[in-house]
């Protein structure tokens, strides 16, 4: 059921129609797109119509509504752009199918190389590379000197480098 327009609604409508192009220009300065600016101005009418504003204040209220809507749109677009650029940056680190195959074959080569070494070599390498233990701690755990622990790990690294060289 449509309600009859009163004089305040007619006044607000007249202000909106007469100022529409100025409101679009205001929004366009903020959002830099005429199409978006026109949508924002249309939205301002819906915002106006949904509230009990004073029709005598229609001109400044429409300007404030348009300005706020345009700023909100720009803020959301800036946030969206930042999120998309972060997603793009993260996806650029994602391995391609080729990198994935290469990484898997290199990992298999590392595993085979480690399996061919002595138990002390493997344990020393694990403690250093995975647990972050010092040479002193490794030597104590394996019952060898610090220099021997260092040599064990160095030998593992040399073997891995030789295995991974093309």
Protein backbone atom coordinates (compact mmCIF):
# COMPACT_ATOMS: atom_id res chain seq x y z
CA UNK A 1 0.00 0.00 0.00
CA UNK A 2 1.51 3.31 -1.09
CA UNK A 3 1.25 6.26 1.22
CA UNK A 4 0.44 9.68 -0.06
CA UNK A 5 3.38 12.07 -0.29
CA UNK A 6 3.26 15.01 2.06
CA UNK A 7 4.82 18.40 1.34
CA UNK A 8 8.09 17.47 3.15
CA UNK A 9 8.54 14.45 0.88
CA UNK A 10 7.86 16.62 -2.19
CA UNK A 11 10.42 19.17 -0.99
CA UNK A 12 13.06 16.48 -0.37
CA UNK A 13 12.35 14.89 -3.75
CA UNK A 14 12.65 18.26 -5.49
CA UNK A 15 15.99 18.95 -3.77
CA UNK A 16 17.25 15.47 -4.67
CA UNK A 17 16.27 15.84 -8.34
CA UNK A 18 17.68 19.36 -8.65
CA UNK A 19 20.95 18.48 -6.86
CA UNK A 20 21.38 15.03 -8.36
CA UNK A 21 24.16 16.02 -10.77
CA UNK A 22 26.02 17.93 -8.03
CA UNK A 23 25.72 14.91 -5.73
CA UNK A 24 27.11 12.65 -8.47
CA UNK A 25 30.06 15.03 -8.95
CA UNK A 26 30.68 15.04 -5.19
CA UNK A 27 30.69 11.24 -5.06
CA UNK A 28 32.77 11.01 -8.23
CA UNK A 29 35.55 13.12 -6.67
CA UNK A 30 35.79 10.54 -3.90
CA UNK A 31 35.28 7.25 -5.77
CA UNK A 32 36.67 8.31 -9.18
CA UNK A 33 33.97 6.42 -11.10
CA UNK A 34 30.80 7.96 -12.47
CA UNK A 35 28.94 4.64 -12.46
CA UNK A 36 29.76 4.02 -8.79
CA UNK A 37 28.95 7.66 -7.99
CA UNK A 38 25.50 7.29 -9.56
CA UNK A 39 24.84 4.15 -7.49
CA UNK A 40 25.91 5.99 -4.36
CA UNK A 41 23.55 8.88 -5.11
CA UNK A 42 20.68 6.44 -5.64
CA UNK A 43 21.57 4.77 -2.34
CA UNK A 44 21.50 8.19 -0.66
CA UNK A 45 17.85 8.57 -1.68
CA UNK A 46 17.03 5.19 -0.12
CA UNK A 47 18.86 6.20 3.04
CA UNK A 48 16.99 9.50 3.13
CA UNK A 49 13.62 7.90 2.50
CA UNK A 50 14.14 5.34 5.27
CA UNK A 51 14.60 8.01 7.97
CA UNK A 52 12.66 10.92 9.38
CA UNK A 53 14.94 13.76 8.29
CA UNK A 54 13.88 17.39 8.27
CA UNK A 55 13.03 18.24 4.65
CA UNK A 56 14.30 21.79 5.16
CA UNK A 57 17.76 20.30 5.75
CA UNK A 58 17.60 18.01 2.71
CA UNK A 59 20.47 19.61 0.77
CA UNK A 60 23.19 19.28 3.47
CA UNK A 61 21.85 15.90 4.59
CA UNK A 62 21.98 14.48 1.04
CA UNK A 63 25.55 15.79 0.69
CA UNK A 64 26.57 14.21 3.99
CA UNK A 65 24.94 10.90 3.09
CA UNK A 66 26.60 10.84 -0.35
CA UNK A 67 29.96 11.83 1.09
CA UNK A 68 29.79 9.15 3.80
CA UNK A 69 28.66 6.45 1.38
CA UNK A 70 31.45 7.35 -1.06
CA UNK A 71 34.08 7.32 1.69
CA UNK A 72 32.80 3.95 2.92
CA UNK A 73 32.95 2.58 -0.63
CA UNK A 74 36.53 3.83 -1.09
CA UNK A 75 37.59 2.39 2.28
CA UNK A 76 36.10 -0.99 1.47
CA UNK A 77 37.71 -0.95 -1.99
CA UNK A 78 41.11 -0.10 -0.44
CA UNK A 79 40.75 -2.93 2.05
CA UNK A 80 39.66 -5.30 -0.73
CA UNK A 81 42.67 -4.29 -2.84
CA UNK A 82 45.03 -4.86 0.09
CA UNK A 83 43.57 -8.28 0.79
CA UNK A 84 43.76 -9.29 -2.88
CA UNK A 85 47.39 -8.16 -3.12
CA UNK A 86 48.23 -10.17 0.02
CA UNK A 87 46.52 -13.24 -1.46
CA UNK A 88 48.43 -12.74 -4.70
CA UNK A 89 51.71 -12.45 -2.78
CA UNK A 90 50.97 -15.64 -0.85
CA UNK A 91 49.94 -17.51 -3.99
CA UNK A 92 53.19 -16.50 -5.70
CA UNK A 93 54.98 -18.53 -3.01
CA UNK A 94 52.83 -21.56 -3.71
CA UNK A 95 54.82 -24.18 -5.53
CA UNK A 96 54.00 -24.91 -9.14
CA UNK A 97 53.45 -28.50 -10.18
CA UNK A 98 57.00 -28.57 -11.60
CA UNK A 99 58.51 -27.17 -8.37
CA UNK A 100 56.52 -29.69 -6.38
CA UNK A 101 57.88 -32.61 -8.44
CA UNK A 102 61.44 -31.27 -8.14
CA UNK A 103 61.10 -30.77 -4.38
CA UNK A 104 59.72 -34.28 -3.91
CA UNK A 105 62.54 -35.84 -5.92
CA UNK A 106 65.15 -33.81 -4.00
CA UNK A 107 63.58 -34.87 -0.72
CA UNK A 108 63.72 -38.52 -1.79
CA UNK A 109 67.39 -38.02 -2.70
CA UNK A 110 68.10 -36.48 0.73
CA UNK A 111 66.37 -39.40 2.46
CA UNK A 112 68.32 -41.98 0.43
CA UNK A 113 71.59 -40.16 1.15
CA UNK A 114 70.88 -40.04 4.88
CA UNK A 115 69.88 -43.71 4.94
CA UNK A 116 73.23 -44.62 3.41
CA UNK A 117 75.10 -42.97 6.31
CA UNK A 118 75.90 -44.24 9.79
CA UNK A 119 73.48 -44.00 12.67
CA UNK A 120 75.72 -41.40 14.40
CA UNK A 121 75.71 -39.24 11.24
CA UNK A 122 71.91 -39.36 11.06
CA UNK A 123 71.41 -38.67 14.76
CA UNK A 124 73.94 -35.79 14.74
CA UNK A 125 72.30 -34.27 11.66
CA UNK A 126 68.82 -34.61 13.17
CA UNK A 127 69.87 -32.99 16.45
CA UNK A 128 71.54 -30.09 14.64
CA UNK A 129 69.10 -29.49 11.79
CA UNK A 130 65.79 -30.33 13.45
CA UNK A 131 66.36 -29.82 17.16
CA UNK A 132 68.82 -26.92 16.91
CA UNK A 133 71.24 -28.50 19.36
CA UNK A 134 74.77 -27.15 19.77
CA UNK A 135 77.82 -29.20 18.85
CA UNK A 136 78.55 -29.58 22.54
CA UNK A 137 75.06 -31.01 23.20
CA UNK A 138 75.36 -33.32 20.19
CA UNK A 139 78.75 -34.57 21.33
CA UNK A 140 77.42 -35.20 24.83
CA UNK A 141 74.36 -37.09 23.48
CA UNK A 142 76.45 -39.23 21.13
CA UNK A 143 79.37 -39.68 23.52
CA UNK A 144 81.85 -38.00 21.19
CA UNK A 145 83.93 -34.81 21.33
CA UNK A 146 82.67 -31.45 20.10
CA UNK A 147 85.05 -31.57 17.14
CA UNK A 148 83.87 -35.11 16.27
CA UNK A 149 80.23 -33.93 16.41
CA UNK A 150 81.16 -31.06 14.08
CA UNK A 151 82.88 -33.49 11.66
CA UNK A 152 79.84 -35.82 11.62
CA UNK A 153 77.48 -33.00 10.68
CA UNK A 154 79.94 -31.56 8.16
CA UNK A 155 80.23 -34.97 6.48
CA UNK A 156 76.43 -35.18 6.22
CA UNK A 157 76.24 -31.75 4.61
CA UNK A 158 79.00 -32.57 2.14
CA UNK A 159 77.22 -35.78 1.12
CA UNK A 160 73.92 -33.93 0.72
CA UNK A 161 75.48 -31.22 -1.41
CA UNK A 162 77.16 -33.81 -3.63
CA UNK A 163 73.91 -35.74 -3.96
CA UNK A 164 71.89 -32.67 -4.88
CA UNK A 165 74.36 -31.22 -7.39
CA UNK A 166 73.17 -31.61 -10.98
